[in-house]
Amino acid sequence: MKTRMGFRLLAVLMMAAFEALFATLEVNGVEDLDVETLTAVLLSHVVEGNVVAADVSSGLTR
């Protein structure tokens, strides 16, 4: 996604994800979230170490 179009697509996908989160949590935006909830949401999308695209698979793993 190094192209300008790729970055636009990523931005659109991120916006859609945040809109879905806000709807699920019944809030209007990030300002309505407490620090603990926001921290938990953001940290659930962080992985440890140096991960490249080739190392990432689709789907959930637990």
PDB file of N, CA and C in Angstrom:
ATOM      1  N   MET A   1       0.823  -1.197   0.000  1.00  0.00           N
ATOM      2  CA  MET A   1       0.000   0.000   0.000  1.00  0.00           C
ATOM      3  C   MET A   1       0.862   1.253   0.000  1.00  0.00           C
ATOM      4  N   LYS A   2       1.863   1.275  -0.815  1.00  0.00           N
ATOM      5  CA  LYS A   2       2.752   2.421  -0.843  1.00  0.00           C
ATOM      6  C   LYS A   2       2.272   3.494  -1.807  1.00  0.00           C
ATOM      7  N   THR A   3       1.214   3.214  -2.542  1.00  0.00           N
ATOM      8  CA  THR A   3       0.695   4.206  -3.467  1.00  0.00           C
ATOM      9  C   THR A   3      -0.252   5.151  -2.750  1.00  0.00           C
ATOM     10  N   ARG A   4      -0.505   6.260  -3.364  1.00  0.00           N
ATOM     11  CA  ARG A   4      -1.450   7.221  -2.791  1.00  0.00           C
ATOM     12  C   ARG A   4      -2.821   6.597  -2.631  1.00  0.00           C
ATOM     13  N   MET A   5      -3.229   5.805  -3.617  1.00  0.00           N
ATOM     14  CA  MET A   5      -4.521   5.119  -3.558  1.00  0.00           C
ATOM     15  C   MET A   5      -4.535   4.127  -2.403  1.00  0.00           C
ATOM     16  N   GLY A   6      -3.413   3.442  -2.180  1.00  0.00           N
ATOM     17  CA  GLY A   6      -3.311   2.494  -1.079  1.00  0.00           C
ATOM     18  C   GLY A   6      -3.505   3.170   0.266  1.00  0.00           C
ATOM     19  N   PHE A   7      -2.915   4.350   0.442  1.00  0.00           N
ATOM     20  CA  PHE A   7      -3.078   5.078   1.687  1.00  0.00           C
ATOM     21  C   PHE A   7      -4.512   5.557   1.865  1.00  0.00           C
ATOM     22  N   ARG A   8      -5.160   5.941   0.767  1.00  0.00           N
ATOM     23  CA  ARG A   8      -6.566   6.346   0.847  1.00  0.00           C
ATOM     24  C   ARG A   8      -7.434   5.168   1.267  1.00  0.00           C
ATOM     25  N   LEU A   9      -7.169   4.010   0.688  1.00  0.00           N
ATOM     26  CA  LEU A   9      -7.928   2.819   1.033  1.00  0.00           C
ATOM     27  C   LEU A   9      -7.736   2.480   2.511  1.00  0.00           C
ATOM     28  N   LEU A  10      -6.501   2.556   2.980  1.00  0.00           N
ATOM     29  CA  LEU A  10      -6.226   2.290   4.383  1.00  0.00           C
ATOM     30  C   LEU A  10      -6.972   3.278   5.275  1.00  0.00           C
ATOM     31  N   ALA A  11      -6.982   4.543   4.907  1.00  0.00           N
ATOM     32  CA  ALA A  11      -7.689   5.558   5.695  1.00  0.00           C
ATOM     33  C   ALA A  11      -9.185   5.274   5.728  1.00  0.00           C
ATOM     34  N   VAL A  12      -9.762   4.886   4.611  1.00  0.00           N
ATOM     35  CA  VAL A  12     -11.189   4.573   4.552  1.00  0.00           C
ATOM     36  C   VAL A  12     -11.499   3.363   5.429  1.00  0.00           C
ATOM     37  N   LEU A  13     -10.656   2.350   5.367  1.00  0.00           N
ATOM     38  CA  LEU A  13     -10.869   1.153   6.191  1.00  0.00           C
ATOM     39  C   LEU A  13     -10.750   1.475   7.668  1.00  0.00           C
ATOM     40  N   MET A  14      -9.798   2.317   8.027  1.00  0.00           N
ATOM     41  CA  MET A  14      -9.633   2.705   9.427  1.00  0.00           C
ATOM     42  C   MET A  14     -10.844   3.498   9.907  1.00  0.00           C
ATOM     43  N   MET A  15     -11.340   4.401   9.076  1.00  0.00           N
ATOM     44  CA  MET A  15     -12.521   5.181   9.451  1.00  0.00           C
ATOM     45  C   MET A  15     -13.715   4.261   9.666  1.00  0.00           C
ATOM     46  N   ALA A  16     -13.891   3.299   8.797  1.00  0.00           N
ATOM     47  CA  ALA A  16     -15.008   2.360   8.924  1.00  0.00           C
ATOM     48  C   ALA A  16     -14.876   1.547  10.215  1.00  0.00           C
ATOM     49  N   ALA A  17     -13.662   1.154  10.542  1.00  0.00           N
ATOM     50  CA  ALA A  17     -13.445   0.383  11.766  1.00  0.00           C
ATOM     51  C   ALA A  17     -13.771   1.216  13.001  1.00  0.00           C
ATOM     52  N   PHE A  18     -13.341   2.475  13.013  1.00  0.00           N
ATOM     53  CA  PHE A  18     -13.639   3.329  14.161  1.00  0.00           C
ATOM     54  C   PHE A  18     -15.125   3.634  14.251  1.00  0.00           C
ATOM     55  N   GLU A  19     -15.786   3.841  13.122  1.00  0.00           N
ATOM     56  CA  GLU A  19     -17.230   4.084  13.149  1.00  0.00           C
ATOM     57  C   GLU A  19     -17.967   2.871  13.709  1.00  0.00           C
ATOM     58  N   ALA A  20     -17.532   1.671  13.341  1.00  0.00           N
ATOM     59  CA  ALA A  20     -18.151   0.452  13.872  1.00  0.00           C
ATOM     60  C   ALA A  20     -17.901   0.333  15.376  1.00  0.00           C
ATOM     61  N   LEU A  21     -16.686   0.674  15.807  1.00  0.00           N
ATOM     62  CA  LEU A  21     -16.368   0.649  17.236  1.00  0.00           C
ATOM     63  C   LEU A  21     -17.260   1.615  18.005  1.00  0.00           C
ATOM     64  N   PHE A  22     -17.382   2.838  17.506  1.00  0.00           N
ATOM     65  CA  PHE A  22     -18.206   3.846  18.189  1.00  0.00           C
ATOM     66  C   PHE A  22     -19.657   3.387  18.273  1.00  0.00           C
ATOM     67  N   ALA A  23     -20.161   2.789  17.194  1.00  0.00           N
ATOM     68  CA  ALA A  23     -21.546   2.298  17.205  1.00  0.00           C
ATOM     69  C   ALA A  23     -21.702   1.172  18.222  1.00  0.00           C
ATOM     70  N   THR A  24     -20.738   0.263  18.257  1.00  0.00           N
ATOM     71  CA  THR A  24     -20.796  -0.862  19.195  1.00  0.00           C
ATOM     72  C   THR A  24     -20.768  -0.374  20.641  1.00  0.00           C
ATOM     73  N   LEU A  25     -19.909   0.603  20.913  1.00  0.00           N
ATOM     74  CA  LEU A  25     -19.776   1.118  22.280  1.00  0.00           C
ATOM     75  C   LEU A  25     -20.796   2.204  22.601  1.00  0.00           C
ATOM     76  N   GLU A  26     -21.603   2.564  21.591  1.00  0.00           N
ATOM     77  CA  GLU A  26     -22.639   3.595  21.741  1.00  0.00           C
ATOM     78  C   GLU A  26     -22.055   4.927  22.220  1.00  0.00           C
ATOM     79  N   VAL A  27     -20.993   5.363  21.516  1.00  0.00           N
ATOM     80  CA  VAL A  27     -20.374   6.663  21.784  1.00  0.00           C
ATOM     81  C   VAL A  27     -20.302   7.436  20.481  1.00  0.00           C
ATOM     82  N   ASN A  28     -20.063   8.739  20.571  1.00  0.00           N
ATOM     83  CA  ASN A  28     -19.995   9.583  19.384  1.00  0.00           C
ATOM     84  C   ASN A  28     -18.600   9.699  18.802  1.00  0.00           C
ATOM     85  N   GLY A  29     -17.590   9.416  19.588  1.00  0.00           N
ATOM     86  CA  GLY A  29     -16.226   9.526  19.103  1.00  0.00           C
ATOM     87  C   GLY A  29     -15.235   9.183  20.188  1.00  0.00           C
ATOM     88  N   VAL A  30     -13.970   9.311  19.838  1.00  0.00           N
ATOM     89  CA  VAL A  30     -12.897   8.957  20.756  1.00  0.00           C
ATOM     90  C   VAL A  30     -12.935   9.788  22.040  1.00  0.00           C
ATOM     91  N   GLU A  31     -13.457  11.001  21.940  1.00  0.00           N
ATOM     92  CA  GLU A  31     -13.541  11.860  23.123  1.00  0.00           C
ATOM     93  C   GLU A  31     -14.460  11.273  24.197  1.00  0.00           C
ATOM     94  N   ASP A  32     -15.384  10.423  23.789  1.00  0.00           N
ATOM     95  CA  ASP A  32     -16.348   9.831  24.719  1.00  0.00           C
ATOM     96  C   ASP A  32     -15.830   8.560  25.396  1.00  0.00           C
ATOM     97  N   LEU A  33     -14.644   8.107  25.011  1.00  0.00           N
ATOM     98  CA  LEU A  33     -14.084   6.893  25.592  1.00  0.00           C
ATOM     99  C   LEU A  33     -13.199   7.229  26.785  1.00  0.00           C
ATOM    100  N   ASP A  34     -13.275   6.380  27.815  1.00  0.00           N
ATOM    101  CA  ASP A  34     -12.363   6.590  28.932  1.00  0.00           C
ATOM    102  C   ASP A  34     -10.988   6.038  28.539  1.00  0.00           C
ATOM    103  N   VAL A  35      -9.976   6.463  29.241  1.00  0.00           N
ATOM    104  CA  VAL A  35      -8.599   6.102  28.901  1.00  0.00           C
ATOM    105  C   VAL A  35      -8.393   4.587  28.904  1.00  0.00           C
ATOM    106  N   GLU A  36      -8.979   3.897  29.861  1.00  0.00           N
ATOM    107  CA  GLU A  36      -8.800   2.454  29.955  1.00  0.00           C
ATOM    108  C   GLU A  36      -9.366   1.733  28.730  1.00  0.00           C
ATOM    109  N   THR A  37     -10.557   2.125  28.295  1.00  0.00           N
ATOM    110  CA  THR A  37     -11.183   1.494  27.127  1.00  0.00           C
ATOM    111  C   THR A  37     -10.376   1.782  25.869  1.00  0.00           C
ATOM    112  N   LEU A  38      -9.996   3.035  25.683  1.00  0.00           N
ATOM    113  CA  LEU A  38      -9.222   3.410  24.500  1.00  0.00           C
ATOM    114  C   LEU A  38      -7.887   2.674  24.473  1.00  0.00           C
ATOM    115  N   THR A  39      -7.228   2.591  25.611  1.00  0.00           N
ATOM    116  CA  THR A  39      -5.950   1.883  25.697  1.00  0.00           C
ATOM    117  C   THR A  39      -6.127   0.411  25.331  1.00  0.00           C
ATOM    118  N   ALA A  40      -7.173  -0.227  25.852  1.00  0.00           N
ATOM    119  CA  ALA A  40      -7.431  -1.645  25.558  1.00  0.00           C
ATOM    120  C   ALA A  40      -7.688  -1.862  24.072  1.00  0.00           C
ATOM    121  N   VAL A  41      -8.464  -0.985  23.466  1.00  0.00           N
ATOM    122  CA  VAL A  41      -8.772  -1.111  22.038  1.00  0.00           C
ATOM    123  C   VAL A  41      -7.505  -0.970  21.215  1.00  0.00           C
ATOM    124  N   LEU A  42      -6.717   0.047  21.496  1.00  0.00           N
ATOM    125  CA  LEU A  42      -5.506   0.282  20.716  1.00  0.00           C
ATOM    126  C   LEU A  42      -4.468  -0.819  20.925  1.00  0.00           C
ATOM    127  N   LEU A  43      -4.290  -1.266  22.153  1.00  0.00           N
ATOM    128  CA  LEU A  43      -3.289  -2.294  22.417  1.00  0.00           C
ATOM    129  C   LEU A  43      -3.684  -3.658  21.866  1.00  0.00           C
ATOM    130  N   SER A  44      -4.965  -3.873  21.623  1.00  0.00           N
ATOM    131  CA  SER A  44      -5.374  -5.149  21.035  1.00  0.00           C
ATOM    132  C   SER A  44      -4.944  -5.251  19.576  1.00  0.00           C
ATOM    133  N   HIS A  45      -4.444  -4.158  19.007  1.00  0.00           N
ATOM    134  CA  HIS A  45      -3.992  -4.130  17.617  1.00  0.00           C
ATOM    135  C   HIS A  45      -2.479  -4.006  17.512  1.00  0.00           C
ATOM    136  N   VAL A  46      -1.779  -4.260  18.594  1.00  0.00           N
ATOM    137  CA  VAL A  46      -0.325  -4.140  18.619  1.00  0.00           C
ATOM    138  C   VAL A  46       0.268  -5.526  18.826  1.00  0.00           C
ATOM    139  N   VAL A  47       1.290  -5.843  18.059  1.00  0.00           N
ATOM    140  CA  VAL A  47       1.989  -7.106  18.238  1.00  0.00           C
ATOM    141  C   VAL A  47       3.419  -6.814  18.656  1.00  0.00           C
ATOM    142  N   GLU A  48       4.006  -7.768  19.331  1.00  0.00           N
ATOM    143  CA  GLU A  48       5.361  -7.611  19.826  1.00  0.00           C
ATOM    144  C   GLU A  48       6.361  -7.984  18.744  1.00  0.00           C
ATOM    145  N   GLY A  49       7.451  -7.253  18.671  1.00  0.00           N
ATOM    146  CA  GLY A  49       8.536  -7.591  17.761  1.00  0.00           C
ATOM    147  C   GLY A  49       8.440  -6.892  16.429  1.00  0.00           C
ATOM    148  N   ASN A  50       9.285  -7.308  15.509  1.00  0.00           N
ATOM    149  CA  ASN A  50       9.341  -6.745  14.167  1.00  0.00           C
ATOM    150  C   ASN A  50       8.584  -7.688  13.240  1.00  0.00           C
ATOM    151  N   VAL A  51       7.386  -7.309  12.849  1.00  0.00           N
ATOM    152  CA  VAL A  51       6.536  -8.163  12.024  1.00  0.00           C
ATOM    153  C   VAL A  51       6.390  -7.528  10.646  1.00  0.00           C
ATOM    154  N   VAL A  52       6.637  -8.317   9.628  1.00  0.00           N
ATOM    155  CA  VAL A  52       6.480  -7.843   8.237  1.00  0.00           C
ATOM    156  C   VAL A  52       5.216  -8.464   7.647  1.00  0.00           C
ATOM    157  N   ALA A  53       4.736  -7.906   6.565  1.00  0.00           N
ATOM    158  CA  ALA A  53       3.481  -8.343   5.962  1.00  0.00           C
ATOM    159  C   ALA A  53       3.471  -9.841   5.664  1.00  0.00           C
ATOM    160  N   ALA A  54       4.584 -10.375   5.241  1.00  0.00           N
ATOM    161  CA  ALA A  54       4.657 -11.805   4.893  1.00  0.00           C
ATOM    162  C   ALA A  54       4.419 -12.695   6.116  1.00  0.00           C
ATOM    163  N   ASP A  55       4.623 -12.168   7.319  1.00  0.00           N
ATOM    164  CA  ASP A  55       4.429 -12.932   8.546  1.00  0.00           C
ATOM    165  C   ASP A  55       2.991 -12.888   9.064  1.00  0.00           C
ATOM    166  N   VAL A  56       2.156 -12.073   8.451  1.00  0.00           N
ATOM    167  CA  VAL A  56       0.805 -11.844   8.946  1.00  0.00           C
ATOM    168  C   VAL A  56      -0.184 -12.680   8.152  1.00  0.00           C
ATOM    169  N   SER A  57      -1.105 -13.328   8.874  1.00  0.00           N
ATOM    170  CA  SER A  57      -2.155 -14.094   8.190  1.00  0.00           C
ATOM    171  C   SER A  57      -3.495 -13.444   8.486  1.00  0.00           C
ATOM    172  N   SER A  58      -4.477 -13.720   7.681  1.00  0.00           N
ATOM    173  CA  SER A  58      -5.801 -13.179   7.918  1.00  0.00           C
ATOM    174  C   SER A  58      -6.517 -14.046   8.932  1.00  0.00           C
ATOM    175  N   GLY A  59      -7.498 -13.468   9.605  1.00  0.00           N
ATOM    176  CA  GLY A  59      -8.271 -14.224  10.578  1.00  0.00           C
ATOM    177  C   GLY A  59      -7.777 -14.022  11.991  1.00  0.00           C
ATOM    178  N   LEU A  60      -8.549 -14.549  12.915  1.00  0.00           N
ATOM    179  CA  LEU A  60      -8.212 -14.427  14.328  1.00  0.00           C
ATOM    180  C   LEU A  60      -7.441 -15.649  14.806  1.00  0.00           C
ATOM    181  N   THR A  61      -6.486 -15.400  15.649  1.00  0.00           N
ATOM    182  CA  THR A  61      -5.782 -16.499  16.326  1.00  0.00           C
ATOM    183  C   THR A  61      -5.737 -16.180  17.794  1.00  0.00           C
ATOM    184  N   ARG A  62      -5.865 -17.171  18.587  1.00  0.00           N
ATOM    185  CA  ARG A  62      -5.810 -16.964  20.033  1.00  0.00           C
ATOM    186  C   ARG A  62      -5.156 -18.140  20.678  1.00  0.00           C
TER     187      ARG A  62
END
